[in-house]
Protein backbone atom coordinates (compact mmCIF):
# COMPACT_ATOMS: atom_id res chain seq x y z
CA MET A 1 9.24 9.47 9.92
CA GLY A 2 11.62 6.75 8.44
CA THR A 3 11.64 3.20 8.48
CA THR A 4 12.72 1.12 11.53
CA CYS A 5 14.75 -1.92 11.36
CA HIS A 6 14.83 -4.79 13.79
CA TYR A 7 17.10 -7.46 13.93
CA ASP A 8 17.14 -10.80 15.07
CA THR A 9 13.32 -11.30 14.18
CA THR A 10 11.30 -12.36 11.45
CA VAL A 11 8.63 -10.48 9.11
CA SER A 12 5.77 -12.93 10.70
CA GLU A 13 6.80 -12.02 14.38
CA MET A 14 6.86 -8.19 13.50
CA ARG A 15 3.82 -8.10 11.44
CA LYS A 16 1.87 -10.26 14.69
CA TYR A 17 3.94 -7.55 16.98
CA TYR A 18 2.80 -4.65 15.30
CA LEU A 19 -1.07 -6.01 14.95
CA ALA A 20 -1.09 -6.77 18.53
CA GLN A 21 -0.33 -3.18 18.88
CA PHE A 22 -3.53 -2.23 17.46
CA GLU A 23 -5.57 -3.72 20.02
CA MET A 24 -6.13 -1.16 22.81
CA VAL A 25 -9.00 0.45 24.98
CA ARG A 26 -8.71 4.32 25.60
CA PRO A 27 -10.91 6.49 27.35
CA ASP A 28 -12.76 7.69 24.18
CA TYR A 29 -12.34 4.80 21.86
CA THR A 30 -11.67 1.27 21.50
CA SER A 31 -9.45 -0.07 18.55
CA THR A 32 -9.23 -3.48 17.15
CA ILE A 33 -8.09 -4.98 14.03
CA VAL A 34 -11.15 -6.41 12.20
CA ALA A 35 -9.17 -8.15 9.17
CA HIS A 36 -5.88 -8.24 7.78
CA THR A 37 -3.48 -9.92 4.88
CA ALA A 38 0.05 -10.04 4.53
CA LYS A 39 0.39 -6.27 3.40
CA TRP A 40 -3.08 -4.82 5.14
CA ALA A 41 -4.91 -4.77 8.26
CA LEU A 42 -8.45 -2.98 8.85
CA GLN A 43 -8.44 -1.15 11.96
CA LYS A 44 -12.01 -0.45 13.46
CA LEU A 45 -12.21 2.49 16.06
CA THR A 46 -15.21 2.51 18.06
CA PHE A 47 -16.01 5.63 20.05
CA THR A 48 -17.54 5.88 23.39
CA ASP A 49 -20.21 8.55 21.70
CA GLY A 50 -21.11 5.55 19.34
CA ARG A 51 -19.40 6.59 16.22
CA ILE A 52 -17.57 3.96 14.10
CA GLU A 53 -14.29 4.52 11.98
CA CYS A 54 -12.68 1.86 9.97
CA ILE A 55 -9.04 2.57 8.47
CA PRO A 56 -7.06 0.39 6.05
CA VAL A 57 -3.38 0.57 7.56
CA TRP A 58 -0.43 -0.69 5.04
CA LEU A 59 1.77 -2.94 6.79
CA ASN A 60 4.64 -2.25 5.04
CA ILE A 61 7.05 -4.89 6.70
CA TYR A 62 9.87 -6.39 4.64
CA ARG A 63 13.41 -8.36 4.99
CA LYS A 64 16.41 -6.32 4.03
CA GLY A 65 19.59 -7.93 4.35
CA GLY A 66 19.84 -9.34 8.07
CA ALA A 67 17.31 -6.73 9.23
CA VAL A 68 13.32 -6.59 9.15
CA CYS A 69 12.14 -3.07 8.38
CA GLU A 70 9.00 -1.92 8.77
CA LYS A 71 6.86 1.73 8.04
CA LEU A 72 3.28 1.52 8.80
CA MET A 73 0.95 4.00 7.57
CA ASP A 74 -2.84 4.17 7.61
CA ALA A 75 -4.63 5.37 4.81
CA THR A 76 -5.39 9.02 6.56
CA VAL A 77 -1.55 9.43 5.50
CA HIS A 78 -2.07 8.62 2.04
CA PRO A 79 0.50 5.89 1.96
CA TYR A 80 0.52 5.90 -2.17
CA GLN A 81 -0.16 2.21 -1.94
CA TYR A 82 -3.58 1.39 -3.60
CA ASP A 83 -3.93 -2.53 -4.01
CA CYS A 84 -6.07 -2.60 -0.74
CA PRO A 85 -8.62 -5.66 -0.58
CA LYS A 86 -11.90 -4.35 -1.83
CA LYS A 87 -13.75 -5.30 1.34
CA PHE A 88 -11.57 -3.22 3.26
CA ILE A 89 -12.23 -0.32 1.13
CA GLN A 90 -16.03 -0.82 1.38
CA MET A 91 -15.93 -0.86 5.07
CA ALA A 92 -13.63 2.13 4.98
CA LYS A 93 -15.98 4.13 2.63
CA GLU A 94 -19.19 3.24 4.97
CA ASN A 95 -17.18 4.10 8.06
CA PRO A 96 -14.68 6.74 7.10
CA PRO A 97 -12.19 8.76 9.53
CA LYS A 98 -13.55 12.53 10.13
CA ASP A 99 -12.50 15.42 11.66
CA LYS A 100 -13.68 17.65 14.33
CA GLU A 101 -16.09 19.19 12.07
CA GLY A 102 -17.76 15.66 10.91
CA LYS A 103 -16.10 16.34 7.55
CA VAL A 104 -14.12 12.98 6.18
CA LEU A 105 -10.09 13.49 6.30
CA GLN A 106 -8.67 15.07 3.06
CA TYR A 107 -5.84 12.47 2.66
CA PHE A 108 -8.01 9.68 3.33
CA ALA A 109 -10.54 10.90 0.87
CA GLU A 110 -7.70 11.31 -1.94
CA TRP A 111 -6.46 7.75 -1.27
CA LEU A 112 -9.72 6.21 -1.18
CA GLU A 113 -10.67 7.32 -4.26
CA LYS A 114 -7.42 6.12 -6.10
CA ALA A 115 -8.04 2.77 -3.98
CA GLU A 116 -11.25 2.39 -5.51
CA GLN A 117 -9.77 3.20 -9.24
CA HIS A 118 -7.17 0.83 -8.52
CA THR A 119 -7.57 -2.66 -10.30
CA THR A 120 -5.20 -5.37 -10.15
CA THR A 121 -4.63 -6.67 -14.00
CA LYS A 122 -1.81 -9.08 -15.27
CA PRO A 123 1.33 -7.40 -16.53
CA LEU A 124 1.22 -6.89 -20.36
CA LYS A 125 3.19 -9.46 -22.36
CA VAL A 126 6.27 -7.31 -23.37
CA GLU A 127 8.65 -8.24 -26.19
CA PHE A 128 12.36 -6.86 -26.04
CA ASN A 129 13.54 -3.71 -28.18
CA ARG A 130 10.30 -2.18 -27.99
CA ASN A 131 8.92 1.33 -26.51
CA TYR A 132 6.51 0.67 -23.81
CA ILE A 133 4.33 3.12 -21.58
CA MET A 134 4.88 3.03 -17.64
CA THR A 135 1.95 3.48 -15.25
CA SER A 136 3.95 6.96 -14.54
CA GLY A 137 3.33 7.64 -18.23
CA ARG A 138 7.19 7.76 -18.82
CA LYS A 139 8.26 6.33 -21.91
CA VAL A 140 10.49 3.42 -21.68
CA PHE A 141 12.29 1.10 -24.12
CA ILE A 142 12.57 -2.79 -22.78
CA ALA A 143 16.18 -4.39 -23.49
CA GLY A 144 15.63 -7.62 -21.83
CA GLU A 145 14.87 -9.29 -18.42
CA TYR A 146 16.61 -8.31 -15.23
CA ASN A 147 15.02 -11.11 -13.27
CA ARG A 148 11.26 -12.67 -12.50
CA ALA A 149 10.43 -9.09 -11.37
CA CYS A 150 12.09 -6.86 -13.30
CA TRP A 151 12.88 -5.85 -16.81
CA ILE A 152 16.01 -4.00 -18.36
CA GLY A 153 14.78 -0.72 -19.46
CA TYR A 154 16.21 2.46 -20.94
CA ILE A 155 14.41 5.94 -20.14
CA ASP A 156 16.09 8.98 -21.85
CA GLY A 157 19.30 6.62 -22.67
CA ILE A 158 19.66 5.86 -19.08
CA ARG A 159 19.49 1.91 -18.22
CA TYR A 160 17.19 1.37 -15.00
CA LYS A 161 15.82 -1.84 -13.65
CA ILE A 162 11.91 -1.45 -14.43
CA LYS A 163 9.40 -3.37 -12.23
CA LYS A 164 7.44 -5.58 -14.73
CA ASN A 165 4.08 -4.46 -13.24
CA THR A 166 4.56 -1.01 -14.03
CA ILE A 167 4.48 -1.34 -17.96
CA LYS A 168 1.09 -0.09 -18.71
CA GLU A 169 1.04 -0.31 -22.41
CA LEU A 170 2.73 -0.41 -25.81
CA ALA A 171 4.14 2.70 -27.17
CA GLN A 172 2.65 4.15 -30.45
């Protein structure tokens, strides 16, 4: 499923709208949002049989031109975003979503492992005209600054806009 765009609204209005959608009572469970940040929400499912599941939800809501775009993804579908608040990760680890056999969902388990390993570090001090290794493992030559968030870099001779937070270390 793709991204949905909305017009004549704001990011904060869309975030408020979508957070409200998680508040519901169904015959089998009750869903609430325990806490949220600008990028993450923690959904708590309380089932009628007493089970509790906590699922982090990535709130991918942003402005692009005249539209507000969104594509919400919860941790059970492995959103490839790992900067979830540690307290959300801890609660999700204590009450993970499970399948009918009682096993933790595979994509959630994979996401949880990576999210626990994720650490927020300050960007590396980069010098121009040097080679660096990106978080993806690719080697990049940094030629200059593009803007506050990006460098001008070359990978295999092709010029790219490189996000500053993707530079991991100086290449040897």
